[in-house]
């Protein structure tokens, strides 16, 4: 039998992932080798280790060595709560109305980052969602002591009944973030429990008014600094570069 080319191996791996709904790299490797006894495992492993990059519109790497079809339950972000509200004054507001103001507040008022951008939605196409705002704090050329880039992420909710959803998403961002913030309306329900959880997990907490022209962000709890997992840092950077290269350069230079 003729040995498979690299392209043929990748095409076969693609079909296996799309049919599976989510599968470990080792299982893909075993399946291909079982179907093609003449091929070496080393050749297959070399061809499929970054199969998500070969088919970025169809396959996502949702964890180390785990691939899933885009749009499957294994690659979808967790629940987001209500993203639109009507204020007591009858004004319709959207969650996204607060992304840019918070990015500016994080950069200018809180002075946590040198650059920050609104993101939100499912831009990064990851299982653990996309931060609503992401920023970076970097060394300047004039600094005598250089340091690694710090990523600061934020989850913003306008639904006063969604503190648990916000907490769950923000905790997931700690995989790739040095600091993580939750921003919730000042009249959020169950504040005491949310504050206790933020303190326990080192998340920053900010309250604001549901007024897109004057949100009046107020820090309740400063975010603690953690060392992120560099695997996920690079994964986020790669996805951002692939879909928003200008934002990538603004954040990472």
C-alpha atoms as a PDB file:
ATOM      1  CA  UNK A   1       0.000   0.000   0.000  1.00  0.00           C
ATOM      2  CA  UNK A   2       1.129   3.570  -0.738  1.00  0.00           C
ATOM      3  CA  UNK A   3       2.053   5.582   2.316  1.00  0.00           C
ATOM      4  CA  UNK A   4      -0.153   8.560   3.108  1.00  0.00           C
ATOM      5  CA  UNK A   5       1.139  12.055   2.447  1.00  0.00           C
ATOM      6  CA  UNK A   6       1.072  14.712   5.196  1.00  0.00           C
ATOM      7  CA  UNK A   7      -1.987  16.300   3.587  1.00  0.00           C
ATOM      8  CA  UNK A   8      -3.788  12.958   3.466  1.00  0.00           C
ATOM      9  CA  UNK A   9      -2.987  12.311   7.128  1.00  0.00           C
ATOM     10  CA  UNK A  10      -4.337  15.715   8.088  1.00  0.00           C
ATOM     11  CA  UNK A  11      -7.474  15.239   6.013  1.00  0.00           C
ATOM     12  CA  UNK A  12      -8.061  11.900   7.702  1.00  0.00           C
ATOM     13  CA  UNK A  13      -7.494  13.469  11.130  1.00  0.00           C
ATOM     14  CA  UNK A  14      -9.955  16.236  10.226  1.00  0.00           C
ATOM     15  CA  UNK A  15     -12.659  13.714   9.357  1.00  0.00           C
ATOM     16  CA  UNK A  16     -12.054  11.848  12.619  1.00  0.00           C
ATOM     17  CA  UNK A  17     -12.362  15.030  14.698  1.00  0.00           C
ATOM     18  CA  UNK A  18     -15.507  16.218  12.904  1.00  0.00           C
ATOM     19  CA  UNK A  19     -17.198  12.863  13.366  1.00  0.00           C
ATOM     20  CA  UNK A  20     -16.175  12.525  17.003  1.00  0.00           C
ATOM     21  CA  UNK A  21     -17.572  15.718  18.534  1.00  0.00           C
ATOM     22  CA  UNK A  22     -14.341  15.976  20.539  1.00  0.00           C
ATOM     23  CA  UNK A  23     -11.319  13.663  20.767  1.00  0.00           C
ATOM     24  CA  UNK A  24      -7.821  13.374  22.261  1.00  0.00           C
ATOM     25  CA  UNK A  25      -4.825  13.617  19.932  1.00  0.00           C
ATOM     26  CA  UNK A  26      -3.677  10.159  21.056  1.00  0.00           C
ATOM     27  CA  UNK A  27      -7.007   8.666  19.965  1.00  0.00           C
ATOM     28  CA  UNK A  28      -6.665  10.300  16.532  1.00  0.00           C
ATOM     29  CA  UNK A  29      -3.146   8.902  16.277  1.00  0.00           C
ATOM     30  CA  UNK A  30      -4.284   5.389  17.175  1.00  0.00           C
ATOM     31  CA  UNK A  31      -7.216   5.477  14.759  1.00  0.00           C
ATOM     32  CA  UNK A  32      -5.079   6.583  11.806  1.00  0.00           C
ATOM     33  CA  UNK A  33      -2.409   3.975  12.548  1.00  0.00           C
ATOM     34  CA  UNK A  34      -5.045   1.273  12.894  1.00  0.00           C
ATOM     35  CA  UNK A  35      -6.427   2.139   9.446  1.00  0.00           C
ATOM     36  CA  UNK A  36      -2.946   2.434   7.885  1.00  0.00           C
ATOM     37  CA  UNK A  37      -0.604  -0.192   9.304  1.00  0.00           C
ATOM     38  CA  UNK A  38       2.290   0.793   7.035  1.00  0.00           C
ATOM     39  CA  UNK A  39       2.636   4.292   8.458  1.00  0.00           C
ATOM     40  CA  UNK A  40       4.780   5.175  11.478  1.00  0.00           C
ATOM     41  CA  UNK A  41       3.304   6.789  14.583  1.00  0.00           C
ATOM     42  CA  UNK A  42       6.025   9.435  14.460  1.00  0.00           C
ATOM     43  CA  UNK A  43       4.920  10.556  10.992  1.00  0.00           C
ATOM     44  CA  UNK A  44       1.280  10.755  12.072  1.00  0.00           C
ATOM     45  CA  UNK A  45       2.085  12.639  15.270  1.00  0.00           C
ATOM     46  CA  UNK A  46       4.178  15.165  13.330  1.00  0.00           C
ATOM     47  CA  UNK A  47       1.285  15.798  10.912  1.00  0.00           C
ATOM     48  CA  UNK A  48      -1.561  16.137  13.412  1.00  0.00           C
ATOM     49  CA  UNK A  49      -0.076  17.863  16.478  1.00  0.00           C
ATOM     50  CA  UNK A  50      -1.482  21.249  15.325  1.00  0.00           C
ATOM     51  CA  UNK A  51      -4.473  20.044  13.303  1.00  0.00           C
ATOM     52  CA  UNK A  52      -6.491  23.011  14.592  1.00  0.00           C
ATOM     53  CA  UNK A  53      -4.148  25.352  12.708  1.00  0.00           C
ATOM     54  CA  UNK A  54      -4.566  23.356   9.509  1.00  0.00           C
ATOM     55  CA  UNK A  55      -8.367  23.723   9.724  1.00  0.00           C
ATOM     56  CA  UNK A  56      -8.982  26.853  11.877  1.00  0.00           C
ATOM     57  CA  UNK A  57     -12.545  27.323  10.600  1.00  0.00           C
ATOM     58  CA  UNK A  58     -13.555  23.769  11.494  1.00  0.00           C
ATOM     59  CA  UNK A  59     -11.496  22.568  14.460  1.00  0.00           C
ATOM     60  CA  UNK A  60     -10.615  24.064  17.846  1.00  0.00           C
ATOM     61  CA  UNK A  61      -8.049  22.941  20.403  1.00  0.00           C
ATOM     62  CA  UNK A  62     -10.037  23.188  23.632  1.00  0.00           C
ATOM     63  CA  UNK A  63      -7.387  21.727  25.909  1.00  0.00           C
ATOM     64  CA  UNK A  64      -3.915  20.229  25.711  1.00  0.00           C
ATOM     65  CA  UNK A  65      -4.043  17.540  23.060  1.00  0.00           C
ATOM     66  CA  UNK A  66      -7.832  17.709  22.740  1.00  0.00           C
ATOM     67  CA  UNK A  67      -9.578  18.767  19.521  1.00  0.00           C
ATOM     68  CA  UNK A  68     -13.258  19.425  18.829  1.00  0.00           C
ATOM     69  CA  UNK A  69     -15.353  20.681  15.901  1.00  0.00           C
ATOM     70  CA  UNK A  70     -16.169  24.362  16.103  1.00  0.00           C
ATOM     71  CA  UNK A  71     -19.776  24.764  17.198  1.00  0.00           C
ATOM     72  CA  UNK A  72     -19.877  21.529  19.188  1.00  0.00           C
ATOM     73  CA  UNK A  73     -20.675  21.453  22.892  1.00  0.00           C
ATOM     74  CA  UNK A  74     -16.963  20.875  23.542  1.00  0.00           C
ATOM     75  CA  UNK A  75     -15.956  24.132  21.854  1.00  0.00           C
ATOM     76  CA  UNK A  76     -18.783  26.457  22.874  1.00  0.00           C
ATOM     77  CA  UNK A  77     -18.351  29.021  25.671  1.00  0.00           C
ATOM     78  CA  UNK A  78     -20.355  28.660  28.858  1.00  0.00           C
ATOM     79  CA  UNK A  79     -23.600  30.569  29.427  1.00  0.00           C
ATOM     80  CA  UNK A  80     -23.544  34.344  29.227  1.00  0.00           C
ATOM     81  CA  UNK A  81     -26.760  35.526  30.869  1.00  0.00           C
ATOM     82  CA  UNK A  82     -28.838  38.416  29.611  1.00  0.00           C
ATOM     83  CA  UNK A  83     -26.896  40.773  27.351  1.00  0.00           C
ATOM     84  CA  UNK A  84     -29.641  43.391  26.940  1.00  0.00           C
ATOM     85  CA  UNK A  85     -31.679  45.232  29.589  1.00  0.00           C
ATOM     86  CA  UNK A  86     -34.214  48.037  29.839  1.00  0.00           C
ATOM     87  CA  UNK A  87     -33.371  50.513  32.594  1.00  0.00           C
ATOM     88  CA  UNK A  88     -36.009  51.940  34.998  1.00  0.00           C
ATOM     89  CA  UNK A  89     -35.948  55.074  32.844  1.00  0.00           C
ATOM     90  CA  UNK A  90     -37.017  52.990  29.831  1.00  0.00           C
ATOM     91  CA  UNK A  91     -33.644  53.108  28.065  1.00  0.00           C
ATOM     92  CA  UNK A  92     -32.406  49.995  26.282  1.00  0.00           C
ATOM     93  CA  UNK A  93     -28.817  49.078  27.070  1.00  0.00           C
ATOM     94  CA  UNK A  94     -26.515  46.306  25.863  1.00  0.00           C
ATOM     95  CA  UNK A  95     -23.670  44.646  27.652  1.00  0.00           C
ATOM     96  CA  UNK A  96     -21.342  45.726  24.857  1.00  0.00           C
ATOM     97  CA  UNK A  97     -22.141  49.385  25.652  1.00  0.00           C
ATOM     98  CA  UNK A  98     -19.861  49.054  28.667  1.00  0.00           C
ATOM     99  CA  UNK A  99     -16.898  47.285  27.065  1.00  0.00           C
ATOM    100  CA  UNK A 100     -15.090  50.347  25.732  1.00  0.00           C
ATOM    101  CA  UNK A 101     -15.757  52.526  28.824  1.00  0.00           C
ATOM    102  CA  UNK A 102     -14.411  49.759  31.065  1.00  0.00           C
ATOM    103  CA  UNK A 103     -11.333  49.304  28.860  1.00  0.00           C
ATOM    104  CA  UNK A 104     -10.607  53.025  29.181  1.00  0.00           C
ATOM    105  CA  UNK A 105     -11.267  52.989  32.937  1.00  0.00           C
ATOM    106  CA  UNK A 106      -8.925  50.016  33.352  1.00  0.00           C
ATOM    107  CA  UNK A 107      -6.209  51.822  31.407  1.00  0.00           C
ATOM    108  CA  UNK A 108      -6.621  55.426  32.540  1.00  0.00           C
ATOM    109  CA  UNK A 109      -8.225  55.416  35.983  1.00  0.00           C
ATOM    110  CA  UNK A 110      -7.119  52.116  37.470  1.00  0.00           C
ATOM    111  CA  UNK A 111      -3.773  52.247  35.627  1.00  0.00           C
ATOM    112  CA  UNK A 112      -3.613  48.440  35.461  1.00  0.00           C
ATOM    113  CA  UNK A 113      -2.666  48.217  31.770  1.00  0.00           C
ATOM    114  CA  UNK A 114      -0.874  50.141  29.079  1.00  0.00           C
ATOM    115  CA  UNK A 115      -3.301  48.989  26.380  1.00  0.00           C
ATOM    116  CA  UNK A 116      -6.824  47.563  26.544  1.00  0.00           C
ATOM    117  CA  UNK A 117      -9.412  46.596  23.944  1.00  0.00           C
ATOM    118  CA  UNK A 118     -13.097  45.604  23.990  1.00  0.00           C
ATOM    119  CA  UNK A 119     -13.570  42.025  22.847  1.00  0.00           C
ATOM    120  CA  UNK A 120     -16.590  40.008  24.006  1.00  0.00           C
ATOM    121  CA  UNK A 121     -18.817  37.684  22.012  1.00  0.00           C
ATOM    122  CA  UNK A 122     -17.142  34.514  20.791  1.00  0.00           C
ATOM    123  CA  UNK A 123     -14.203  36.147  19.046  1.00  0.00           C
ATOM    124  CA  UNK A 124     -11.590  33.717  20.385  1.00  0.00           C
ATOM    125  CA  UNK A 125     -13.794  30.669  19.698  1.00  0.00           C
ATOM    126  CA  UNK A 126     -12.621  28.890  22.824  1.00  0.00           C
ATOM    127  CA  UNK A 127     -14.482  26.534  25.119  1.00  0.00           C
ATOM    128  CA  UNK A 128     -13.877  28.852  28.058  1.00  0.00           C
ATOM    129  CA  UNK A 129     -15.248  31.927  26.329  1.00  0.00           C
ATOM    130  CA  UNK A 130     -13.846  35.313  25.393  1.00  0.00           C
ATOM    131  CA  UNK A 131     -13.155  38.117  27.900  1.00  0.00           C
ATOM    132  CA  UNK A 132     -15.299  41.198  27.358  1.00  0.00           C
ATOM    133  CA  UNK A 133     -12.194  43.345  27.824  1.00  0.00           C
ATOM    134  CA  UNK A 134      -8.562  42.294  27.621  1.00  0.00           C
ATOM    135  CA  UNK A 135      -5.499  44.409  28.285  1.00  0.00           C
ATOM    136  CA  UNK A 136      -1.748  44.077  28.683  1.00  0.00           C
ATOM    137  CA  UNK A 137       0.893  45.611  30.902  1.00  0.00           C
ATOM    138  CA  UNK A 138       4.334  45.544  29.277  1.00  0.00           C
ATOM    139  CA  UNK A 139       7.858  46.695  29.952  1.00  0.00           C
ATOM    140  CA  UNK A 140       8.947  49.897  28.272  1.00  0.00           C
ATOM    141  CA  UNK A 141      12.221  50.108  26.375  1.00  0.00           C
ATOM    142  CA  UNK A 142      13.474  52.582  29.004  1.00  0.00           C
ATOM    143  CA  UNK A 143      12.827  50.216  31.928  1.00  0.00           C
ATOM    144  CA  UNK A 144      16.063  48.978  33.479  1.00  0.00           C
ATOM    145  CA  UNK A 145      14.419  45.738  34.571  1.00  0.00           C
ATOM    146  CA  UNK A 146      12.333  44.054  31.888  1.00  0.00           C
ATOM    147  CA  UNK A 147       9.464  41.740  32.814  1.00  0.00           C
ATOM    148  CA  UNK A 148       7.066  39.370  31.002  1.00  0.00           C
ATOM    149  CA  UNK A 149       3.837  40.704  29.506  1.00  0.00           C
ATOM    150  CA  UNK A 150       0.944  40.648  31.969  1.00  0.00           C
ATOM    151  CA  UNK A 151      -2.559  39.967  30.645  1.00  0.00           C
ATOM    152  CA  UNK A 152      -5.534  41.507  32.424  1.00  0.00           C
ATOM    153  CA  UNK A 153      -8.998  40.168  31.552  1.00  0.00           C
ATOM    154  CA  UNK A 154     -12.460  41.314  32.546  1.00  0.00           C
ATOM    155  CA  UNK A 155     -15.965  39.839  32.473  1.00  0.00           C
ATOM    156  CA  UNK A 156     -18.786  42.399  32.422  1.00  0.00           C
ATOM    157  CA  UNK A 157     -22.417  41.642  33.194  1.00  0.00           C
ATOM    158  CA  UNK A 158     -25.467  43.913  33.159  1.00  0.00           C
ATOM    159  CA  UNK A 159     -27.741  41.167  34.491  1.00  0.00           C
ATOM    160  CA  UNK A 160     -27.995  41.710  38.261  1.00  0.00           C
ATOM    161  CA  UNK A 161     -28.992  38.045  38.666  1.00  0.00           C
ATOM    162  CA  UNK A 162     -25.897  36.649  36.936  1.00  0.00           C
ATOM    163  CA  UNK A 163     -23.064  36.913  39.493  1.00  0.00           C
ATOM    164  CA  UNK A 164     -22.458  33.138  39.427  1.00  0.00           C
ATOM    165  CA  UNK A 165     -22.220  33.125  35.623  1.00  0.00           C
ATOM    166  CA  UNK A 166     -19.775  36.056  35.725  1.00  0.00           C
ATOM    167  CA  UNK A 167     -17.707  34.317  38.405  1.00  0.00           C
ATOM    168  CA  UNK A 168     -17.530  31.068  36.431  1.00  0.00           C
ATOM    169  CA  UNK A 169     -16.313  32.807  33.287  1.00  0.00           C
ATOM    170  CA  UNK A 170     -13.821  34.994  35.138  1.00  0.00           C
ATOM    171  CA  UNK A 171     -12.263  32.015  36.916  1.00  0.00           C
ATOM    172  CA  UNK A 172     -11.744  30.336  33.522  1.00  0.00           C
ATOM    173  CA  UNK A 173      -9.838  33.427  32.306  1.00  0.00           C
ATOM    174  CA  UNK A 174      -7.252  32.882  35.043  1.00  0.00           C
ATOM    175  CA  UNK A 175      -5.782  30.149  32.837  1.00  0.00           C
ATOM    176  CA  UNK A 176      -4.263  32.833  30.601  1.00  0.00           C
ATOM    177  CA  UNK A 177      -4.516  36.011  32.687  1.00  0.00           C
ATOM    178  CA  UNK A 178      -2.202  37.530  35.247  1.00  0.00           C
ATOM    179  CA  UNK A 179      -5.142  39.437  36.736  1.00  0.00           C
ATOM    180  CA  UNK A 180      -8.888  38.993  36.241  1.00  0.00           C
ATOM    181  CA  UNK A 181     -11.774  41.345  37.008  1.00  0.00           C
ATOM    182  CA  UNK A 182     -15.541  40.983  37.267  1.00  0.00           C
ATOM    183  CA  UNK A 183     -17.664  44.080  36.655  1.00  0.00           C
ATOM    184  CA  UNK A 184     -21.272  43.922  37.892  1.00  0.00           C
ATOM    185  CA  UNK A 185     -24.138  46.422  38.339  1.00  0.00           C
ATOM    186  CA  UNK A 186     -24.180  48.128  41.736  1.00  0.00           C
ATOM    187  CA  UNK A 187     -27.564  46.528  42.507  1.00  0.00           C
ATOM    188  CA  UNK A 188     -26.353  42.977  41.880  1.00  0.00           C
ATOM    189  CA  UNK A 189     -28.056  40.297  43.945  1.00  0.00           C
ATOM    190  CA  UNK A 190     -26.154  38.245  46.501  1.00  0.00           C
ATOM    191  CA  UNK A 191     -23.189  40.643  46.680  1.00  0.00           C
ATOM    192  CA  UNK A 192     -21.814  39.143  49.887  1.00  0.00           C
ATOM    193  CA  UNK A 193     -21.389  35.711  48.359  1.00  0.00           C
ATOM    194  CA  UNK A 194     -19.842  37.098  45.167  1.00  0.00           C
ATOM    195  CA  UNK A 195     -17.389  39.182  47.178  1.00  0.00           C
ATOM    196  CA  UNK A 196     -16.438  36.177  49.297  1.00  0.00           C
ATOM    197  CA  UNK A 197     -15.778  34.104  46.163  1.00  0.00           C
ATOM    198  CA  UNK A 198     -13.707  36.879  44.559  1.00  0.00           C
ATOM    199  CA  UNK A 199     -11.603  37.171  47.712  1.00  0.00           C
ATOM    200  CA  UNK A 200     -11.131  33.401  47.863  1.00  0.00           C
ATOM    201  CA  UNK A 201     -10.055  33.110  44.201  1.00  0.00           C
ATOM    202  CA  UNK A 202      -8.161  36.403  43.898  1.00  0.00           C
ATOM    203  CA  UNK A 203     -10.521  38.025  41.397  1.00  0.00           C
ATOM    204  CA  UNK A 204     -10.947  41.779  41.200  1.00  0.00           C
ATOM    205  CA  UNK A 205     -14.476  43.118  41.624  1.00  0.00           C
ATOM    206  CA  UNK A 206     -15.915  46.334  40.201  1.00  0.00           C
ATOM    207  CA  UNK A 207     -19.429  47.754  40.555  1.00  0.00           C
ATOM    208  CA  UNK A 208     -20.989  50.196  38.113  1.00  0.00           C
ATOM    209  CA  UNK A 209     -24.237  51.989  37.272  1.00  0.00           C
ATOM    210  CA  UNK A 210     -26.406  50.849  34.362  1.00  0.00           C
ATOM    211  CA  UNK A 211     -25.832  54.144  32.566  1.00  0.00           C
ATOM    212  CA  UNK A 212     -23.743  53.772  29.417  1.00  0.00           C
ATOM    213  CA  UNK A 213     -22.901  57.494  29.394  1.00  0.00           C
ATOM    214  CA  UNK A 214     -21.847  57.590  33.053  1.00  0.00           C
ATOM    215  CA  UNK A 215     -21.198  54.052  34.361  1.00  0.00           C
ATOM    216  CA  UNK A 216     -19.201  55.352  37.339  1.00  0.00           C
ATOM    217  CA  UNK A 217     -17.006  52.263  37.775  1.00  0.00           C
ATOM    218  CA  UNK A 218     -15.907  51.748  41.382  1.00  0.00           C
ATOM    219  CA  UNK A 219     -13.334  49.239  42.548  1.00  0.00           C
ATOM    220  CA  UNK A 220     -14.565  47.006  45.341  1.00  0.00           C
ATOM    221  CA  UNK A 221     -11.743  44.477  45.349  1.00  0.00           C
ATOM    222  CA  UNK A 222      -8.326  44.635  43.715  1.00  0.00           C
ATOM    223  CA  UNK A 223      -7.344  41.645  41.571  1.00  0.00           C
ATOM    224  CA  UNK A 224      -4.480  39.521  42.803  1.00  0.00           C
ATOM    225  CA  UNK A 225      -1.575  38.658  40.536  1.00  0.00           C
ATOM    226  CA  UNK A 226      -1.153  35.033  39.412  1.00  0.00           C
ATOM    227  CA  UNK A 227       1.181  33.214  37.033  1.00  0.00           C
ATOM    228  CA  UNK A 228      -0.917  32.079  34.041  1.00  0.00           C
ATOM    229  CA  UNK A 229      -0.402  28.844  32.124  1.00  0.00           C
ATOM    230  CA  UNK A 230       1.763  29.811  29.142  1.00  0.00           C
ATOM    231  CA  UNK A 231       0.128  27.150  26.973  1.00  0.00           C
ATOM    232  CA  UNK A 232      -3.165  29.022  27.226  1.00  0.00           C
ATOM    233  CA  UNK A 233      -1.494  32.438  26.998  1.00  0.00           C
ATOM    234  CA  UNK A 234      -0.066  31.468  23.608  1.00  0.00           C
ATOM    235  CA  UNK A 235      -3.348  29.894  22.531  1.00  0.00           C
ATOM    236  CA  UNK A 236      -5.223  33.148  23.224  1.00  0.00           C
ATOM    237  CA  UNK A 237      -2.514  35.204  21.511  1.00  0.00           C
ATOM    238  CA  UNK A 238      -2.630  32.981  18.417  1.00  0.00           C
ATOM    239  CA  UNK A 239      -6.423  33.173  18.175  1.00  0.00           C
ATOM    240  CA  UNK A 240      -6.423  36.938  18.614  1.00  0.00           C
ATOM    241  CA  UNK A 241      -3.714  37.334  15.967  1.00  0.00           C
ATOM    242  CA  UNK A 242      -5.697  35.146  13.548  1.00  0.00           C
ATOM    243  CA  UNK A 243      -8.946  37.113  13.843  1.00  0.00           C
ATOM    244  CA  UNK A 244      -7.901  40.636  14.887  1.00  0.00           C
ATOM    245  CA  UNK A 245      -4.307  41.269  13.962  1.00  0.00           C
ATOM    246  CA  UNK A 246      -4.468  45.031  14.671  1.00  0.00           C
ATOM    247  CA  UNK A 247      -5.715  44.396  18.210  1.00  0.00           C
ATOM    248  CA  UNK A 248      -2.997  41.769  18.634  1.00  0.00           C
ATOM    249  CA  UNK A 249      -0.297  44.307  17.739  1.00  0.00           C
ATOM    250  CA  UNK A 250      -1.853  46.937  20.024  1.00  0.00           C
ATOM    251  CA  UNK A 251      -1.719  44.558  22.968  1.00  0.00           C
ATOM    252  CA  UNK A 252       1.487  42.651  22.327  1.00  0.00           C
ATOM    253  CA  UNK A 253       3.441  44.935  20.018  1.00  0.00           C
END
